[in-house]
Amino acid sequence: MKKSEVKQRAEEIGVEPGKMTKAELVRAIQEAEGNPPSFGNNDGNCPYTDCCWWDDCIKEYRKTH
């Protein structure tokens, strides 16, 4: 998902994007939705395979590990 799409989704649920990175923004969305802010921790073994962040989460994990 493109950062502009993430920003739009954030605004729709009341999260102010400000100057957050994409990863920070996704985590803020996760928290606002009542989920753990786990974006970027997916090493391929995450049980939430239907999560809309799945592919980006794996990419973020690979960038940081």
N, C-alpha and C. Protein backbone atom coordinates (compact mmCIF):
# COMPACT_ATOMS: atom_id res chain seq x y z
N MET A 1 0.85 -1.16 0.00
CA MET A 1 0.00 0.00 0.00
C MET A 1 0.91 1.24 0.00
N LYS A 2 0.57 2.20 -0.83
CA LYS A 2 1.36 3.42 -0.92
C LYS A 2 1.14 4.28 0.32
N LYS A 3 2.16 5.09 0.64
CA LYS A 3 2.07 5.94 1.82
C LYS A 3 0.87 6.88 1.74
N SER A 4 0.57 7.38 0.55
CA SER A 4 -0.58 8.28 0.40
C SER A 4 -1.88 7.56 0.77
N GLU A 5 -1.98 6.28 0.45
CA GLU A 5 -3.17 5.49 0.80
C GLU A 5 -3.23 5.27 2.30
N VAL A 6 -2.07 5.05 2.92
CA VAL A 6 -2.01 4.85 4.37
C VAL A 6 -2.43 6.15 5.07
N LYS A 7 -1.93 7.28 4.56
CA LYS A 7 -2.30 8.57 5.14
C LYS A 7 -3.81 8.80 5.07
N GLN A 8 -4.39 8.48 3.93
CA GLN A 8 -5.83 8.66 3.75
C GLN A 8 -6.60 7.78 4.74
N ARG A 9 -6.18 6.56 4.88
CA ARG A 9 -6.85 5.65 5.82
C ARG A 9 -6.72 6.17 7.25
N ALA A 10 -5.54 6.67 7.58
CA ALA A 10 -5.32 7.23 8.92
C ALA A 10 -6.27 8.39 9.18
N GLU A 11 -6.35 9.30 8.24
CA GLU A 11 -7.22 10.46 8.40
C GLU A 11 -8.68 10.05 8.56
N GLU A 12 -9.09 9.01 7.84
CA GLU A 12 -10.46 8.53 7.91
C GLU A 12 -10.84 8.02 9.30
N ILE A 13 -9.85 7.52 10.04
CA ILE A 13 -10.16 7.01 11.38
C ILE A 13 -9.71 7.96 12.48
N GLY A 14 -9.28 9.16 12.09
CA GLY A 14 -8.94 10.18 13.07
C GLY A 14 -7.50 10.21 13.54
N VAL A 15 -6.60 9.57 12.82
CA VAL A 15 -5.17 9.61 13.16
C VAL A 15 -4.54 10.71 12.31
N GLU A 16 -3.87 11.65 12.96
CA GLU A 16 -3.20 12.75 12.26
C GLU A 16 -1.83 12.28 11.79
N PRO A 17 -1.62 12.18 10.48
CA PRO A 17 -0.36 11.66 9.95
C PRO A 17 0.88 12.50 10.28
N GLY A 18 0.74 13.81 10.30
CA GLY A 18 1.90 14.64 10.57
C GLY A 18 3.09 14.24 9.72
N LYS A 19 4.24 14.07 10.33
CA LYS A 19 5.46 13.70 9.61
C LYS A 19 5.88 12.27 9.91
N MET A 20 4.92 11.43 10.27
CA MET A 20 5.24 10.03 10.57
C MET A 20 5.73 9.30 9.33
N THR A 21 6.61 8.35 9.55
CA THR A 21 7.01 7.46 8.46
C THR A 21 5.84 6.53 8.19
N LYS A 22 5.91 5.81 7.11
CA LYS A 22 4.84 4.86 6.77
C LYS A 22 4.68 3.83 7.89
N ALA A 23 5.79 3.31 8.39
CA ALA A 23 5.74 2.30 9.45
C ALA A 23 5.11 2.87 10.72
N GLU A 24 5.51 4.08 11.10
CA GLU A 24 4.93 4.71 12.30
C GLU A 24 3.44 4.93 12.12
N LEU A 25 3.06 5.33 10.93
CA LEU A 25 1.65 5.60 10.64
C LEU A 25 0.82 4.33 10.70
N VAL A 26 1.34 3.25 10.13
CA VAL A 26 0.61 1.98 10.18
C VAL A 26 0.44 1.53 11.63
N ARG A 27 1.49 1.66 12.43
CA ARG A 27 1.39 1.27 13.85
C ARG A 27 0.36 2.14 14.58
N ALA A 28 0.30 3.43 14.25
CA ALA A 28 -0.69 4.31 14.87
C ALA A 28 -2.11 3.89 14.47
N ILE A 29 -2.28 3.49 13.23
CA ILE A 29 -3.58 3.00 12.77
C ILE A 29 -3.93 1.72 13.52
N GLN A 30 -2.97 0.81 13.63
CA GLN A 30 -3.22 -0.44 14.35
C GLN A 30 -3.69 -0.17 15.77
N GLU A 31 -3.02 0.74 16.46
CA GLU A 31 -3.40 1.08 17.83
C GLU A 31 -4.79 1.71 17.87
N ALA A 32 -5.07 2.63 16.94
CA ALA A 32 -6.37 3.29 16.91
C ALA A 32 -7.51 2.29 16.67
N GLU A 33 -7.20 1.22 15.98
CA GLU A 33 -8.20 0.18 15.71
C GLU A 33 -8.27 -0.86 16.82
N GLY A 34 -7.47 -0.68 17.87
CA GLY A 34 -7.50 -1.60 18.99
C GLY A 34 -6.64 -2.83 18.83
N ASN A 35 -5.69 -2.76 17.91
CA ASN A 35 -4.79 -3.89 17.65
C ASN A 35 -3.39 -3.56 18.16
N PRO A 36 -2.57 -4.59 18.40
CA PRO A 36 -1.19 -4.32 18.82
C PRO A 36 -0.42 -3.68 17.66
N PRO A 37 0.44 -2.72 17.94
CA PRO A 37 1.22 -2.06 16.89
C PRO A 37 2.39 -2.94 16.44
N SER A 38 2.08 -3.94 15.66
CA SER A 38 3.08 -4.95 15.32
C SER A 38 3.65 -4.83 13.91
N PHE A 39 3.31 -3.78 13.20
CA PHE A 39 3.79 -3.63 11.82
C PHE A 39 5.32 -3.67 11.78
N GLY A 40 5.84 -4.49 10.88
CA GLY A 40 7.28 -4.62 10.72
C GLY A 40 7.88 -5.77 11.51
N ASN A 41 7.04 -6.51 12.22
CA ASN A 41 7.52 -7.64 13.01
C ASN A 41 7.20 -8.99 12.36
N ASN A 42 6.72 -8.96 11.14
CA ASN A 42 6.30 -10.19 10.46
C ASN A 42 7.48 -10.85 9.76
N ASP A 43 7.94 -11.94 10.33
CA ASP A 43 9.04 -12.70 9.73
C ASP A 43 8.52 -13.82 8.83
N GLY A 44 7.22 -13.75 8.51
CA GLY A 44 6.59 -14.77 7.68
C GLY A 44 5.81 -15.77 8.49
N ASN A 45 5.90 -15.68 9.81
CA ASN A 45 5.20 -16.62 10.67
C ASN A 45 4.03 -15.99 11.41
N CYS A 46 3.63 -14.81 11.03
CA CYS A 46 2.52 -14.12 11.67
C CYS A 46 1.22 -14.88 11.39
N PRO A 47 0.40 -15.10 12.42
CA PRO A 47 -0.84 -15.85 12.22
C PRO A 47 -1.94 -15.05 11.53
N TYR A 48 -1.76 -13.73 11.38
CA TYR A 48 -2.81 -12.88 10.80
C TYR A 48 -2.62 -12.74 9.29
N THR A 49 -2.76 -13.84 8.57
CA THR A 49 -2.50 -13.86 7.13
C THR A 49 -3.51 -13.05 6.33
N ASP A 50 -4.64 -12.73 6.92
CA ASP A 50 -5.64 -11.94 6.21
C ASP A 50 -5.50 -10.44 6.49
N CYS A 51 -4.47 -10.05 7.21
CA CYS A 51 -4.23 -8.65 7.56
C CYS A 51 -3.92 -7.85 6.29
N CYS A 52 -4.48 -6.65 6.19
CA CYS A 52 -4.25 -5.82 4.99
C CYS A 52 -2.82 -5.32 4.90
N TRP A 53 -2.06 -5.40 5.99
CA TRP A 53 -0.67 -4.92 6.00
C TRP A 53 0.33 -6.05 5.73
N TRP A 54 -0.12 -7.27 5.57
CA TRP A 54 0.73 -8.47 5.50
C TRP A 54 1.97 -8.28 4.62
N ASP A 55 1.77 -7.97 3.34
CA ASP A 55 2.91 -7.86 2.41
C ASP A 55 3.87 -6.75 2.80
N ASP A 56 3.33 -5.58 3.12
CA ASP A 56 4.18 -4.46 3.52
C ASP A 56 4.89 -4.76 4.83
N CYS A 57 4.25 -5.49 5.71
CA CYS A 57 4.83 -5.83 7.00
C CYS A 57 6.07 -6.71 6.81
N ILE A 58 5.97 -7.67 5.93
CA ILE A 58 7.12 -8.54 5.65
C ILE A 58 8.26 -7.72 5.05
N LYS A 59 7.94 -6.82 4.11
CA LYS A 59 8.97 -5.96 3.51
C LYS A 59 9.65 -5.09 4.56
N GLU A 60 8.87 -4.54 5.46
CA GLU A 60 9.43 -3.69 6.52
C GLU A 60 10.32 -4.52 7.43
N TYR A 61 9.91 -5.74 7.76
CA TYR A 61 10.72 -6.63 8.59
C TYR A 61 12.07 -6.89 7.92
N ARG A 62 12.04 -7.17 6.64
CA ARG A 62 13.28 -7.49 5.91
C ARG A 62 14.22 -6.28 5.83
N LYS A 63 13.65 -5.07 5.79
CA LYS A 63 14.47 -3.85 5.76
C LYS A 63 15.20 -3.64 7.07
N THR A 64 14.60 -4.05 8.16
CA THR A 64 15.15 -3.75 9.48
C THR A 64 15.85 -4.93 10.15
N HIS A 65 15.85 -6.08 9.53
CA HIS A 65 16.51 -7.26 10.13
C HIS A 65 17.51 -7.88 9.19
